[in-house]
């Protein structure tokens, strides 16, 4: 009869890691394929070096529709010294958009003006179909 010894062979103590590595690689491939990648857009900031190659300011004024809101909620269109009334905002936007379809609306409210005037101009611009509406800080 053979004696049973308490010693194990060295081969029995090893664990085969190949199936575990296969599972890890499959999971890695799954997450890489299903991941969504964000494409970030950058904003080209104008510097003094780049301003020499750009168009003159007269062309940029024609592209934009500038509304300035004064401290007493008077609405000034494109630097015109005569303020317009609230009911004329939409018709002026329609007229200026017909002249230049690529125009964008820029609103410059005064610090002491009411928010309702700003919202009214923004609503009129959206109703006129303006895609770009910007609000800038007063000087």
Protein backbone atom coordinates (compact mmCIF):
# COMPACT_ATOMS: atom_id res chain seq x y z
CA UNK A 1 0.00 0.00 0.00
CA UNK A 2 1.01 3.53 -0.70
CA UNK A 3 1.33 6.08 1.97
CA UNK A 4 -0.57 9.34 1.48
CA UNK A 5 1.72 12.19 2.08
CA UNK A 6 0.68 15.70 3.09
CA UNK A 7 2.86 17.28 0.43
CA UNK A 8 1.21 18.82 -2.64
CA UNK A 9 2.81 19.04 -5.97
CA UNK A 10 4.00 22.47 -7.03
CA UNK A 11 1.82 22.37 -10.17
CA UNK A 12 -1.38 22.10 -8.16
CA UNK A 13 -0.70 25.37 -6.27
CA UNK A 14 -0.65 27.58 -9.39
CA UNK A 15 -3.82 29.35 -10.55
CA UNK A 16 -4.33 29.93 -14.25
CA UNK A 17 -4.98 33.70 -14.79
CA UNK A 18 -5.68 33.51 -18.54
CA UNK A 19 -9.52 33.40 -18.25
CA UNK A 20 -9.49 36.33 -15.81
CA UNK A 21 -7.34 38.41 -18.20
CA UNK A 22 -9.71 37.58 -21.05
CA UNK A 23 -12.65 38.88 -19.00
CA UNK A 24 -10.76 42.06 -18.09
CA UNK A 25 -9.91 42.77 -21.74
CA UNK A 26 -13.50 42.15 -22.82
CA UNK A 27 -14.75 44.59 -20.15
CA UNK A 28 -12.17 47.16 -21.23
CA UNK A 29 -13.25 46.88 -24.86
CA UNK A 30 -16.92 47.14 -23.83
CA UNK A 31 -16.39 50.36 -21.85
CA UNK A 32 -14.25 51.97 -24.55
CA UNK A 33 -16.83 51.21 -27.24
CA UNK A 34 -19.83 52.38 -25.21
CA UNK A 35 -18.19 55.51 -23.80
CA UNK A 36 -19.44 58.82 -25.15
CA UNK A 37 -16.77 61.31 -26.06
CA UNK A 38 -17.42 65.02 -25.68
CA UNK A 39 -16.25 67.36 -28.37
CA UNK A 40 -15.37 70.63 -26.70
CA UNK A 41 -15.59 73.87 -28.60
CA UNK A 42 -13.27 76.74 -27.98
CA UNK A 43 -13.86 80.45 -28.05
CA UNK A 44 -11.47 82.52 -30.10
CA UNK A 45 -10.55 85.40 -27.84
CA UNK A 46 -9.58 88.57 -29.67
CA UNK A 47 -6.21 89.94 -28.72
CA UNK A 48 -4.41 93.05 -29.84
CA UNK A 49 -2.23 90.95 -32.19
CA UNK A 50 -5.24 89.51 -34.01
CA UNK A 51 -7.10 92.81 -34.36
CA UNK A 52 -4.87 93.95 -37.23
CA UNK A 53 -6.20 91.26 -39.57
CA UNK A 54 -9.89 91.67 -38.76
CA UNK A 55 -12.47 93.77 -40.56
CA UNK A 56 -12.92 97.38 -39.52
CA UNK A 57 -15.45 98.20 -36.77
CA UNK A 58 -17.92 99.68 -39.28
CA UNK A 59 -18.62 96.20 -40.68
CA UNK A 60 -19.16 94.65 -37.25
CA UNK A 61 -21.65 97.38 -36.29
CA UNK A 62 -23.78 96.49 -39.31
CA UNK A 63 -23.84 92.84 -38.28
CA UNK A 64 -25.10 93.50 -34.77
CA UNK A 65 -28.31 95.00 -33.44
CA UNK A 66 -27.37 96.86 -30.27
CA UNK A 67 -30.01 97.72 -27.67
CA UNK A 68 -28.91 99.91 -24.79
CA UNK A 69 -31.20 100.17 -21.78
CA UNK A 70 -30.77 103.43 -19.90
CA UNK A 71 -31.21 104.02 -16.18
CA UNK A 72 -34.84 105.11 -16.69
CA UNK A 73 -35.58 102.05 -18.89
CA UNK A 74 -35.33 104.03 -22.12
CA UNK A 75 -34.37 101.80 -25.05
CA UNK A 76 -31.71 103.09 -27.43
CA UNK A 77 -31.20 101.24 -30.70
CA UNK A 78 -27.71 101.16 -32.33
CA UNK A 79 -26.51 104.27 -30.53
CA UNK A 80 -29.31 106.45 -31.95
CA UNK A 81 -29.72 109.47 -29.66
CA UNK A 82 -33.51 109.18 -29.77
CA UNK A 83 -34.94 106.35 -27.61
CA UNK A 84 -37.61 104.02 -28.99
CA UNK A 85 -40.74 102.82 -27.21
CA UNK A 86 -41.28 99.21 -26.17
CA UNK A 87 -43.84 98.49 -28.91
CA UNK A 88 -41.31 99.42 -31.61
CA UNK A 89 -38.66 96.89 -30.54
CA UNK A 90 -40.03 93.93 -32.51
CA UNK A 91 -40.61 95.93 -35.71
CA UNK A 92 -37.08 97.38 -35.55
CA UNK A 93 -35.59 93.91 -35.09
CA UNK A 94 -37.59 92.59 -38.06
CA UNK A 95 -36.43 95.50 -40.23
CA UNK A 96 -32.76 95.16 -39.28
CA UNK A 97 -32.87 91.38 -39.66
CA UNK A 98 -34.26 91.78 -43.19
CA UNK A 99 -31.31 94.04 -44.03
CA UNK A 100 -28.76 91.64 -42.54
CA UNK A 101 -29.92 88.05 -41.81
CA UNK A 102 -26.62 87.19 -40.09
CA UNK A 103 -27.14 89.89 -37.47
CA UNK A 104 -27.13 89.11 -33.77
CA UNK A 105 -28.83 91.01 -30.96
CA UNK A 106 -26.66 92.55 -28.25
CA UNK A 107 -28.35 94.02 -25.18
CA UNK A 108 -26.47 96.35 -22.86
CA UNK A 109 -28.59 97.12 -19.77
CA UNK A 110 -27.76 99.81 -17.24
CA UNK A 111 -27.17 98.68 -13.66
CA UNK A 112 -30.23 100.58 -12.44
CA UNK A 113 -32.59 99.47 -15.24
CA UNK A 114 -35.41 97.00 -14.66
CA UNK A 115 -35.13 93.35 -15.61
CA UNK A 116 -38.58 93.44 -17.22
CA UNK A 117 -37.25 95.72 -19.98
CA UNK A 118 -34.38 93.32 -20.65
CA UNK A 119 -36.74 90.34 -20.78
CA UNK A 120 -39.11 92.22 -23.10
CA UNK A 121 -36.28 92.87 -25.60
CA UNK A 122 -35.10 89.26 -25.38
CA UNK A 123 -38.65 87.98 -26.00
CA UNK A 124 -39.06 90.27 -29.00
CA UNK A 125 -35.76 89.06 -30.44
CA UNK A 126 -36.73 85.41 -29.98
CA UNK A 127 -40.11 86.02 -31.59
CA UNK A 128 -38.35 87.64 -34.53
CA UNK A 129 -36.31 84.47 -34.96
CA UNK A 130 -32.95 85.80 -33.83
CA UNK A 131 -30.56 82.97 -33.05
CA UNK A 132 -27.84 84.92 -31.25
CA UNK A 133 -28.87 87.08 -28.31
CA UNK A 134 -26.11 88.38 -26.04
CA UNK A 135 -26.17 90.45 -22.87
CA UNK A 136 -23.11 92.58 -22.15
CA UNK A 137 -22.13 94.51 -19.07
CA UNK A 138 -22.36 98.29 -19.13
CA UNK A 139 -19.16 100.27 -19.60
